[in-house]
Amino acid sequence: MKRVCLLMVLACMMMVSCGKKKHNVHGYVDLGLSVKWATCNVGATSPEDYGHYFAWGEISPKDEYTDDNCSTCGKQMSDIAGDAQYDAATANWGGDWRMPTYSEQEELLNNCTWTWTTQNGVNGYNVKGPNGNSIFLPAAGNRYGSSLNAAGSYGGYWSSAPYGSYVISACSLNFNSDGQCMGYYTRGRGLSVRPVVE
């Protein structure tokens, strides 16, 4: 009985250490914001791993990223958060995982301390929340055509929001070593996805 209790305590300690917890196998961190942020990108096995790249509104990585082969380019669409047909986080991770909305990315941008750093040999940002917990966002670059561009110096992360009435663009959180901003990209480009959960 004592051994069983000890094993349960150790398992709990592993899940809660450093503010990190688990939801449906995948880890998350409570930064003190409106949602919890995943510890790694979709397709990644660690915070520093770039993971998969997705065209906006698509749920699988592919060999080539263009506006011509993007299934959502040219379509009038609303926010895709939580829609497993279009949301790469929901489709790949299941449960309550989803892509962050524009306002949730903006909250991360405006309410956290961003520090450019190198973690286990990978460039990116340590993003510290109001409660002192933090996540690492690798500068994973982006994909267009069959090429990986600006890996190690730039990061682009899709939100679930289309870019206004423009049917070929969607909103994203973008950064390099000089700073961060909310912006947009054409939907055909392959960007990273960092899920959230409530």
C-alpha atoms as a PDB file:
ATOM      1  CA  MET A   1       0.000   0.000   0.000  1.00  0.00           C
ATOM      2  CA  LYS A   2       2.819   2.399   0.905  1.00  0.00           C
ATOM      3  CA  ARG A   3       4.560   1.632  -2.392  1.00  0.00           C
ATOM      4  CA  VAL A   4       1.373   2.374  -4.384  1.00  0.00           C
ATOM      5  CA  CYS A   5       0.924   5.697  -2.563  1.00  0.00           C
ATOM      6  CA  LEU A   6       4.566   6.630  -3.185  1.00  0.00           C
ATOM      7  CA  LEU A   7       4.223   5.902  -6.891  1.00  0.00           C
ATOM      8  CA  MET A   8       1.086   8.071  -7.066  1.00  0.00           C
ATOM      9  CA  VAL A   9       2.867  10.940  -5.326  1.00  0.00           C
ATOM     10  CA  LEU A  10       5.844  10.686  -7.683  1.00  0.00           C
ATOM     11  CA  ALA A  11       3.524  10.697 -10.721  1.00  0.00           C
ATOM     12  CA  CYS A  12       1.759  13.815  -9.458  1.00  0.00           C
ATOM     13  CA  MET A  13       5.091  15.543  -8.825  1.00  0.00           C
ATOM     14  CA  MET A  14       6.210  14.808 -12.394  1.00  0.00           C
ATOM     15  CA  MET A  15       3.019  16.313 -13.819  1.00  0.00           C
ATOM     16  CA  VAL A  16       2.947  19.462 -11.697  1.00  0.00           C
ATOM     17  CA  SER A  17       6.651  20.359 -11.540  1.00  0.00           C
ATOM     18  CA  CYS A  18       7.596  23.819 -12.846  1.00  0.00           C
ATOM     19  CA  GLY A  19       3.933  24.731 -13.350  1.00  0.00           C
ATOM     20  CA  LYS A  20       3.557  22.120 -16.100  1.00  0.00           C
ATOM     21  CA  LYS A  21       0.523  19.842 -16.145  1.00  0.00           C
ATOM     22  CA  LYS A  22      -0.932  17.257 -18.501  1.00  0.00           C
ATOM     23  CA  HIS A  23      -4.159  17.260 -20.468  1.00  0.00           C
ATOM     24  CA  ASN A  24      -4.977  14.340 -22.729  1.00  0.00           C
ATOM     25  CA  VAL A  25      -1.289  13.235 -22.705  1.00  0.00           C
ATOM     26  CA  HIS A  26       0.043  16.631 -23.833  1.00  0.00           C
ATOM     27  CA  GLY A  27       1.598  19.049 -21.362  1.00  0.00           C
ATOM     28  CA  TYR A  28       0.471  22.607 -20.707  1.00  0.00           C
ATOM     29  CA  VAL A  29       1.507  25.549 -18.583  1.00  0.00           C
ATOM     30  CA  ASP A  30      -0.779  27.938 -16.724  1.00  0.00           C
ATOM     31  CA  LEU A  31       0.754  31.362 -17.391  1.00  0.00           C
ATOM     32  CA  GLY A  32      -1.932  33.229 -15.471  1.00  0.00           C
ATOM     33  CA  LEU A  33      -3.834  34.095 -18.653  1.00  0.00           C
ATOM     34  CA  SER A  34      -7.332  33.252 -19.916  1.00  0.00           C
ATOM     35  CA  VAL A  35      -6.161  29.904 -21.388  1.00  0.00           C
ATOM     36  CA  LYS A  36      -3.388  27.416 -20.707  1.00  0.00           C
ATOM     37  CA  TRP A  37      -0.641  27.110 -23.315  1.00  0.00           C
ATOM     38  CA  ALA A  38       0.811  23.821 -24.547  1.00  0.00           C
ATOM     39  CA  THR A  39       4.453  23.110 -23.765  1.00  0.00           C
ATOM     40  CA  CYS A  40       5.268  22.249 -27.395  1.00  0.00           C
ATOM     41  CA  ASN A  41       4.069  22.698 -30.972  1.00  0.00           C
ATOM     42  CA  VAL A  42       1.801  20.257 -32.792  1.00  0.00           C
ATOM     43  CA  GLY A  43       4.034  17.498 -34.142  1.00  0.00           C
ATOM     44  CA  ALA A  44       6.830  18.225 -31.641  1.00  0.00           C
ATOM     45  CA  THR A  45       8.179  15.955 -28.916  1.00  0.00           C
ATOM     46  CA  SER A  46       9.841  18.697 -26.836  1.00  0.00           C
ATOM     47  CA  PRO A  47       9.534  22.476 -26.385  1.00  0.00           C
ATOM     48  CA  GLU A  48      12.556  23.036 -28.652  1.00  0.00           C
ATOM     49  CA  ASP A  49      11.330  20.737 -31.425  1.00  0.00           C
ATOM     50  CA  TYR A  50       9.912  22.734 -34.363  1.00  0.00           C
ATOM     51  CA  GLY A  51       7.106  20.239 -34.936  1.00  0.00           C
ATOM     52  CA  HIS A  52       4.917  20.167 -38.033  1.00  0.00           C
ATOM     53  CA  TYR A  53       4.036  23.061 -40.325  1.00  0.00           C
ATOM     54  CA  PHE A  54       0.476  23.674 -41.463  1.00  0.00           C
ATOM     55  CA  ALA A  55      -1.223  25.774 -44.086  1.00  0.00           C
ATOM     56  CA  TRP A  56      -3.985  27.724 -42.351  1.00  0.00           C
ATOM     57  CA  GLY A  57      -7.157  25.668 -42.035  1.00  0.00           C
ATOM     58  CA  GLU A  58      -5.421  22.402 -42.914  1.00  0.00           C
ATOM     59  CA  ILE A  59      -4.801  19.586 -40.453  1.00  0.00           C
ATOM     60  CA  SER A  60      -1.908  17.664 -42.013  1.00  0.00           C
ATOM     61  CA  PRO A  61       1.657  18.645 -42.950  1.00  0.00           C
ATOM     62  CA  LYS A  62       2.636  18.285 -46.613  1.00  0.00           C
ATOM     63  CA  ASP A  63       5.682  18.302 -48.878  1.00  0.00           C
ATOM     64  CA  GLU A  64       4.923  21.581 -50.606  1.00  0.00           C
ATOM     65  CA  TYR A  65       3.173  24.727 -49.406  1.00  0.00           C
ATOM     66  CA  THR A  66       1.647  27.108 -51.933  1.00  0.00           C
ATOM     67  CA  ASP A  67      -1.466  29.235 -52.177  1.00  0.00           C
ATOM     68  CA  ASP A  68      -2.554  27.098 -55.132  1.00  0.00           C
ATOM     69  CA  ASN A  69      -2.609  23.858 -53.144  1.00  0.00           C
ATOM     70  CA  CYS A  70      -4.100  25.388 -49.973  1.00  0.00           C
ATOM     71  CA  SER A  71      -7.630  24.079 -49.451  1.00  0.00           C
ATOM     72  CA  THR A  72      -8.862  27.216 -47.636  1.00  0.00           C
ATOM     73  CA  CYS A  73      -7.398  29.886 -49.929  1.00  0.00           C
ATOM     74  CA  GLY A  74     -10.204  31.801 -51.586  1.00  0.00           C
ATOM     75  CA  LYS A  75     -12.853  30.608 -49.118  1.00  0.00           C
ATOM     76  CA  GLN A  76     -14.792  33.024 -46.920  1.00  0.00           C
ATOM     77  CA  MET A  77     -14.350  31.525 -43.459  1.00  0.00           C
ATOM     78  CA  SER A  78     -15.036  32.407 -39.844  1.00  0.00           C
ATOM     79  CA  ASP A  79     -12.881  31.574 -36.824  1.00  0.00           C
ATOM     80  CA  ILE A  80     -11.868  27.872 -36.931  1.00  0.00           C
ATOM     81  CA  ALA A  81     -10.972  27.327 -33.238  1.00  0.00           C
ATOM     82  CA  GLY A  82     -12.056  23.866 -32.121  1.00  0.00           C
ATOM     83  CA  ASP A  83     -13.377  22.776 -35.528  1.00  0.00           C
ATOM     84  CA  ALA A  84     -11.624  19.451 -36.166  1.00  0.00           C
ATOM     85  CA  GLN A  85     -12.158  19.838 -39.918  1.00  0.00           C
ATOM     86  CA  TYR A  86      -9.878  22.899 -40.002  1.00  0.00           C
ATOM     87  CA  ASP A  87      -8.149  23.264 -36.621  1.00  0.00           C
ATOM     88  CA  ALA A  88      -4.781  21.443 -36.651  1.00  0.00           C
ATOM     89  CA  ALA A  89      -4.583  21.363 -32.846  1.00  0.00           C
ATOM     90  CA  THR A  90      -8.047  19.843 -32.361  1.00  0.00           C
ATOM     91  CA  ALA A  91      -7.630  17.384 -35.237  1.00  0.00           C
ATOM     92  CA  ASN A  92      -4.204  16.123 -34.121  1.00  0.00           C
ATOM     93  CA  TRP A  93      -4.421  16.311 -30.330  1.00  0.00           C
ATOM     94  CA  GLY A  94      -8.127  15.804 -29.685  1.00  0.00           C
ATOM     95  CA  GLY A  95      -9.885  16.572 -26.430  1.00  0.00           C
ATOM     96  CA  ASP A  96     -10.335  20.275 -25.744  1.00  0.00           C
ATOM     97  CA  TRP A  97      -7.110  21.327 -27.475  1.00  0.00           C
ATOM     98  CA  ARG A  98      -7.485  24.007 -30.135  1.00  0.00           C
ATOM     99  CA  MET A  99      -5.647  26.756 -31.958  1.00  0.00           C
ATOM    100  CA  PRO A 100      -5.461  30.080 -30.085  1.00  0.00           C
ATOM    101  CA  THR A 101      -7.771  32.876 -31.140  1.00  0.00           C
ATOM    102  CA  TYR A 102      -6.442  36.264 -32.217  1.00  0.00           C
ATOM    103  CA  SER A 103      -7.283  37.771 -28.813  1.00  0.00           C
ATOM    104  CA  GLU A 104      -5.555  34.908 -26.960  1.00  0.00           C
ATOM    105  CA  GLN A 105      -2.359  35.391 -28.975  1.00  0.00           C
ATOM    106  CA  GLU A 106      -2.634  39.127 -28.387  1.00  0.00           C
ATOM    107  CA  GLU A 107      -3.009  38.451 -24.656  1.00  0.00           C
ATOM    108  CA  LEU A 108       0.160  36.323 -24.735  1.00  0.00           C
ATOM    109  CA  LEU A 109       1.953  39.110 -26.578  1.00  0.00           C
ATOM    110  CA  ASN A 110       0.840  41.985 -24.367  1.00  0.00           C
ATOM    111  CA  ASN A 111       0.734  40.405 -20.905  1.00  0.00           C
ATOM    112  CA  CYS A 112       3.921  38.329 -20.853  1.00  0.00           C
ATOM    113  CA  THR A 113       7.635  39.081 -20.675  1.00  0.00           C
ATOM    114  CA  TRP A 114       9.405  37.965 -23.869  1.00  0.00           C
ATOM    115  CA  THR A 115      13.109  37.131 -23.691  1.00  0.00           C
ATOM    116  CA  TRP A 116      15.064  36.013 -26.757  1.00  0.00           C
ATOM    117  CA  THR A 117      17.197  33.057 -25.736  1.00  0.00           C
ATOM    118  CA  THR A 118      18.749  29.765 -26.797  1.00  0.00           C
ATOM    119  CA  GLN A 119      17.317  26.659 -25.162  1.00  0.00           C
ATOM    120  CA  ASN A 120      19.127  23.357 -25.728  1.00  0.00           C
ATOM    121  CA  GLY A 121      20.764  24.840 -28.816  1.00  0.00           C
ATOM    122  CA  VAL A 122      17.539  26.221 -30.310  1.00  0.00           C
ATOM    123  CA  ASN A 123      16.789  29.937 -30.700  1.00  0.00           C
ATOM    124  CA  GLY A 124      13.434  31.302 -29.653  1.00  0.00           C
ATOM    125  CA  TYR A 125      11.559  33.151 -26.936  1.00  0.00           C
ATOM    126  CA  ASN A 126      11.073  32.384 -23.292  1.00  0.00           C
ATOM    127  CA  VAL A 127       7.598  33.758 -22.633  1.00  0.00           C
ATOM    128  CA  LYS A 128       6.965  34.388 -18.941  1.00  0.00           C
ATOM    129  CA  GLY A 129       3.406  34.893 -17.757  1.00  0.00           C
ATOM    130  CA  PRO A 130       2.129  37.222 -15.022  1.00  0.00           C
ATOM    131  CA  ASN A 131       2.306  34.366 -12.483  1.00  0.00           C
ATOM    132  CA  GLY A 132       5.977  33.608 -13.215  1.00  0.00           C
ATOM    133  CA  ASN A 133       5.470  30.399 -15.208  1.00  0.00           C
ATOM    134  CA  SER A 134       6.862  30.281 -18.740  1.00  0.00           C
ATOM    135  CA  ILE A 135       6.821  28.491 -22.091  1.00  0.00           C
ATOM    136  CA  PHE A 136       9.402  28.345 -24.871  1.00  0.00           C
ATOM    137  CA  LEU A 137       8.460  29.218 -28.460  1.00  0.00           C
ATOM    138  CA  PRO A 138      11.131  28.057 -30.915  1.00  0.00           C
ATOM    139  CA  ALA A 139      12.014  30.213 -33.909  1.00  0.00           C
ATOM    140  CA  ALA A 140      10.843  27.493 -36.282  1.00  0.00           C
ATOM    141  CA  GLY A 141      10.735  29.623 -39.419  1.00  0.00           C
ATOM    142  CA  ASN A 142       8.076  28.885 -42.035  1.00  0.00           C
ATOM    143  CA  ARG A 143       7.616  26.801 -45.148  1.00  0.00           C
ATOM    144  CA  TYR A 144       6.765  27.907 -48.660  1.00  0.00           C
ATOM    145  CA  GLY A 145       7.140  25.682 -51.661  1.00  0.00           C
ATOM    146  CA  SER A 146       9.353  22.844 -50.466  1.00  0.00           C
ATOM    147  CA  SER A 147      11.753  25.111 -48.549  1.00  0.00           C
ATOM    148  CA  LEU A 148      12.130  25.873 -44.867  1.00  0.00           C
ATOM    149  CA  ASN A 149      12.787  29.585 -44.438  1.00  0.00           C
ATOM    150  CA  ALA A 150      14.385  31.572 -41.586  1.00  0.00           C
ATOM    151  CA  ALA A 151      14.506  28.706 -39.066  1.00  0.00           C
ATOM    152  CA  GLY A 152      16.486  29.815 -36.041  1.00  0.00           C
ATOM    153  CA  SER A 153      15.835  33.515 -36.601  1.00  0.00           C
ATOM    154  CA  TYR A 154      12.061  33.816 -37.070  1.00  0.00           C
ATOM    155  CA  GLY A 155       8.861  32.310 -35.702  1.00  0.00           C
ATOM    156  CA  GLY A 156       5.349  32.374 -37.129  1.00  0.00           C
ATOM    157  CA  TYR A 157       2.382  30.837 -35.285  1.00  0.00           C
ATOM    158  CA  TRP A 158      -1.128  30.614 -36.728  1.00  0.00           C
ATOM    159  CA  SER A 159      -4.144  31.901 -34.864  1.00  0.00           C
ATOM    160  CA  SER A 160      -7.600  30.495 -35.561  1.00  0.00           C
ATOM    161  CA  ALA A 161      -8.748  33.793 -37.093  1.00  0.00           C
ATOM    162  CA  PRO A 162      -9.000  34.687 -40.779  1.00  0.00           C
ATOM    163  CA  TYR A 163      -7.617  38.104 -41.689  1.00  0.00           C
ATOM    164  CA  GLY A 164     -10.768  40.196 -41.933  1.00  0.00           C
ATOM    165  CA  SER A 165     -12.556  39.728 -45.239  1.00  0.00           C
ATOM    166  CA  TYR A 166      -9.390  38.731 -47.102  1.00  0.00           C
ATOM    167  CA  VAL A 167     -10.054  35.208 -48.321  1.00  0.00           C
ATOM    168  CA  ILE A 168      -6.388  34.327 -48.873  1.00  0.00           C
ATOM    169  CA  SER A 169      -4.923  35.432 -45.514  1.00  0.00           C
ATOM    170  CA  ALA A 170      -5.120  34.561 -41.818  1.00  0.00           C
ATOM    171  CA  CYS A 171      -3.808  36.138 -38.607  1.00  0.00           C
ATOM    172  CA  SER A 172      -0.605  35.025 -36.939  1.00  0.00           C
ATOM    173  CA  LEU A 173       1.788  35.814 -34.112  1.00  0.00           C
ATOM    174  CA  ASN A 174       5.202  36.611 -35.597  1.00  0.00           C
ATOM    175  CA  PHE A 175       8.605  37.272 -34.064  1.00  0.00           C
ATOM    176  CA  ASN A 176      12.347  37.560 -34.526  1.00  0.00           C
ATOM    177  CA  SER A 177      15.141  38.540 -32.156  1.00  0.00           C
ATOM    178  CA  ASP A 178      14.184  42.219 -32.489  1.00  0.00           C
ATOM    179  CA  GLY A 179      10.586  41.853 -31.317  1.00  0.00           C
ATOM    180  CA  GLN A 180       7.120  40.381 -31.711  1.00  0.00           C
ATOM    181  CA  CYS A 181       3.860  41.458 -33.333  1.00  0.00           C
ATOM    182  CA  MET A 182       0.459  40.312 -34.469  1.00  0.00           C
ATOM    183  CA  GLY A 183       0.252  40.121 -38.249  1.00  0.00           C
ATOM    184  CA  TYR A 184      -0.943  37.905 -41.074  1.00  0.00           C
ATOM    185  CA  TYR A 185       0.244  35.571 -43.823  1.00  0.00           C
ATOM    186  CA  THR A 186      -1.287  34.055 -46.905  1.00  0.00           C
ATOM    187  CA  ARG A 187      -2.988  30.838 -45.858  1.00  0.00           C
ATOM    188  CA  GLY A 188      -0.847  28.659 -48.099  1.00  0.00           C
ATOM    189  CA  ARG A 189       2.331  29.232 -46.103  1.00  0.00           C
ATOM    190  CA  GLY A 190       3.335  26.561 -43.584  1.00  0.00           C
ATOM    191  CA  LEU A 191       3.485  27.948 -40.039  1.00  0.00           C
ATOM    192  CA  SER A 192       3.717  26.409 -36.580  1.00  0.00           C
ATOM    193  CA  VAL A 193       0.727  25.757 -34.317  1.00  0.00           C
ATOM    194  CA  ARG A 194       0.962  26.077 -30.529  1.00  0.00           C
ATOM    195  CA  PRO A 195      -2.283  24.775 -28.990  1.00  0.00           C
ATOM    196  CA  VAL A 196      -4.223  26.101 -26.019  1.00  0.00           C
ATOM    197  CA  VAL A 197      -6.744  24.565 -23.643  1.00  0.00           C
ATOM    198  CA  GLU A 198      -9.193  26.179 -21.223  1.00  0.00           C
END
